[in-house]
Amino acid sequence: MNVWAVVIQVVVGIIIVAPVLWISGRLLVGRERAKFTDALWIVVLGVVTGAIISYFVGGILASIIMLIIWLALIKHFFDCGWLKAIVAAIIFLTLSTAEAGRFSVCQPEASSYRVLGCVKPAPRYGI
C-alpha cells in the first residue's frame, strides 16, 4: 500500500467528492443532518478503509465490502436509514456524473477548438 497514493486520494476526494456528497445529503436528509464536515469524514474514512481493504482483499469481494462500508458511513454520518443511504449514493452518482460531463473540455460539440487547446477531429469520409 502506497501511503502517498492514499494521501492524494484523500485530498482529491475532499476537493471533488465531498461537496457533491454534501449536496446529495442535503437534498435527501435536509440541512440539519447533512453537514459539510460529515461529508468530509465520509470521504476520508471511505478512502482510507478502501485502501486498507483493497490491500488485503481483492476483486469483486473488495468492491462489495467497500459498497457496504460507504453506505454505512453515509447512514451513520447523515443519520438516516439504509434506504435513504442508498438513495443518497444514487443522487451522489448522478450529480458526480453530471459534474464530470460539465468539466470535460474537449467535446466534439465544442465550437472553438483552438481556444480550448483541443485538436479538431478530422472529417470522416466514406463511413
Protein backbone atom coordinates (compact mmCIF):
# COMPACT_ATOMS: atom_id res chain seq x y z
CA MET A 1 0.00 0.00 0.00
CA ASN A 2 1.46 3.31 -1.10
CA VAL A 3 0.85 5.95 1.57
CA TRP A 4 1.29 8.86 -0.86
CA ALA A 5 -1.38 7.42 -3.15
CA VAL A 6 -3.81 7.28 -0.23
CA VAL A 7 -2.96 10.87 0.75
CA ILE A 8 -3.57 12.03 -2.83
CA GLN A 9 -6.85 10.11 -2.96
CA VAL A 10 -7.97 11.76 0.29
CA VAL A 11 -7.09 15.26 -0.96
CA VAL A 12 -8.79 14.72 -4.32
CA GLY A 13 -11.78 13.16 -2.56
CA ILE A 14 -12.09 16.16 -0.27
CA ILE A 15 -11.91 18.58 -3.19
CA ILE A 16 -14.18 16.72 -5.61
CA VAL A 17 -16.25 14.07 -3.84
CA ALA A 18 -17.11 15.77 -0.54
CA PRO A 19 -19.02 18.76 -1.98
CA VAL A 20 -21.09 16.54 -4.26
CA LEU A 21 -21.79 14.09 -1.44
CA TRP A 22 -22.76 17.00 0.82
CA ILE A 23 -25.21 18.33 -1.78
CA SER A 24 -26.80 14.91 -2.26
CA GLY A 25 -27.11 14.52 1.51
CA ARG A 26 -28.74 17.92 1.86
CA LEU A 27 -31.19 17.10 -0.90
CA LEU A 28 -32.21 13.89 0.81
CA VAL A 29 -31.95 14.26 4.58
CA GLY A 30 -32.02 18.02 4.96
CA ARG A 31 -29.81 20.81 6.19
CA GLU A 32 -29.77 19.77 9.84
CA ARG A 33 -28.44 16.25 9.36
CA ALA A 34 -26.14 16.64 6.33
CA LYS A 35 -23.26 18.86 7.30
CA PHE A 36 -20.18 19.51 5.18
CA THR A 37 -17.90 18.17 7.91
CA ASP A 38 -19.88 14.92 7.83
CA ALA A 39 -19.23 14.65 4.09
CA LEU A 40 -15.54 15.24 4.73
CA TRP A 41 -15.43 12.45 7.31
CA ILE A 42 -17.28 10.09 4.98
CA VAL A 43 -14.73 10.71 2.23
CA VAL A 44 -11.66 10.44 4.47
CA LEU A 45 -12.84 7.28 6.23
CA GLY A 46 -14.09 5.76 2.98
CA VAL A 47 -10.81 6.32 1.14
CA VAL A 48 -8.63 5.07 4.00
CA THR A 49 -10.72 1.95 4.66
CA GLY A 50 -10.89 1.35 0.92
CA ALA A 51 -7.12 1.39 0.68
CA ILE A 52 -6.78 -0.98 3.62
CA ILE A 53 -9.41 -3.41 2.35
CA SER A 54 -8.08 -3.41 -1.20
CA TYR A 55 -4.63 -4.19 0.22
CA PHE A 56 -5.87 -7.34 1.97
CA VAL A 57 -8.82 -8.37 -0.22
CA GLY A 58 -9.03 -8.05 -3.98
CA GLY A 59 -11.50 -8.28 -6.79
CA ILE A 60 -15.26 -8.20 -6.57
CA LEU A 61 -15.27 -9.07 -2.87
CA ALA A 62 -13.39 -5.85 -2.05
CA SER A 63 -15.86 -3.87 -4.16
CA ILE A 64 -18.85 -5.37 -2.35
CA ILE A 65 -17.27 -4.74 1.06
CA MET A 66 -16.48 -1.15 0.11
CA LEU A 67 -20.00 -0.53 -1.16
CA ILE A 68 -21.38 -1.68 2.20
CA ILE A 69 -18.85 0.45 4.10
CA TRP A 70 -19.62 3.59 2.06
CA LEU A 71 -23.36 3.07 2.60
CA ALA A 72 -22.77 2.51 6.33
CA LEU A 73 -20.72 5.72 6.50
CA ILE A 74 -23.48 7.68 4.75
CA LYS A 75 -26.07 6.10 7.05
CA HIS A 76 -24.09 6.94 10.18
CA PHE A 77 -22.95 10.48 9.41
CA PHE A 78 -26.15 11.67 7.70
CA ASP A 79 -28.27 9.99 10.41
CA CYS A 80 -30.60 8.15 8.05
CA GLY A 81 -31.71 4.60 7.27
CA TRP A 82 -30.27 2.17 4.76
CA LEU A 83 -32.79 3.09 2.07
CA LYS A 84 -32.01 6.81 2.33
CA ALA A 85 -28.29 5.99 2.30
CA ILE A 86 -28.76 4.08 -0.96
CA VAL A 87 -30.81 6.93 -2.45
CA ALA A 88 -28.18 9.46 -1.31
CA ALA A 89 -25.50 7.36 -3.00
CA ILE A 90 -27.56 7.24 -6.20
CA ILE A 91 -28.07 11.02 -6.09
CA PHE A 92 -24.34 11.42 -5.49
CA LEU A 93 -23.54 9.25 -8.53
CA THR A 94 -25.99 11.24 -10.66
CA LEU A 95 -24.56 14.60 -9.55
CA SER A 96 -20.96 13.49 -9.92
CA THR A 97 -21.62 12.12 -13.40
CA ALA A 98 -23.24 15.39 -14.42
CA GLU A 99 -20.34 17.32 -12.90
CA ALA A 100 -17.78 15.20 -14.78
CA GLY A 101 -19.64 15.81 -18.04
CA ARG A 102 -19.65 19.53 -17.42
CA PHE A 103 -15.90 19.66 -16.90
CA SER A 104 -14.91 17.64 -19.93
CA VAL A 105 -13.36 20.30 -22.14
CA CYS A 106 -12.58 18.65 -25.46
CA GLN A 107 -16.00 17.53 -26.59
CA PRO A 108 -16.92 17.21 -30.26
CA GLU A 109 -19.70 19.75 -29.74
CA ALA A 110 -17.24 22.45 -28.68
CA SER A 111 -17.38 25.30 -31.17
CA SER A 112 -13.95 26.78 -30.58
CA TYR A 113 -11.35 24.01 -30.63
CA ARG A 114 -8.35 26.32 -30.89
CA VAL A 115 -9.34 28.42 -27.89
CA LEU A 116 -9.70 25.27 -25.78
CA GLY A 117 -6.41 23.88 -27.00
CA CYS A 118 -8.01 20.80 -28.47
CA VAL A 119 -7.31 19.22 -31.80
CA LYS A 120 -10.28 19.35 -34.11
CA PRO A 121 -11.12 15.84 -35.30
CA ALA A 122 -10.51 15.08 -38.95
CA PRO A 123 -13.64 14.70 -41.09
CA ARG A 124 -14.63 11.11 -41.73
CA TYR A 125 -15.32 10.45 -45.40
CA GLY A 126 -16.85 7.32 -46.77
CA ILE A 127 -18.09 5.95 -43.49
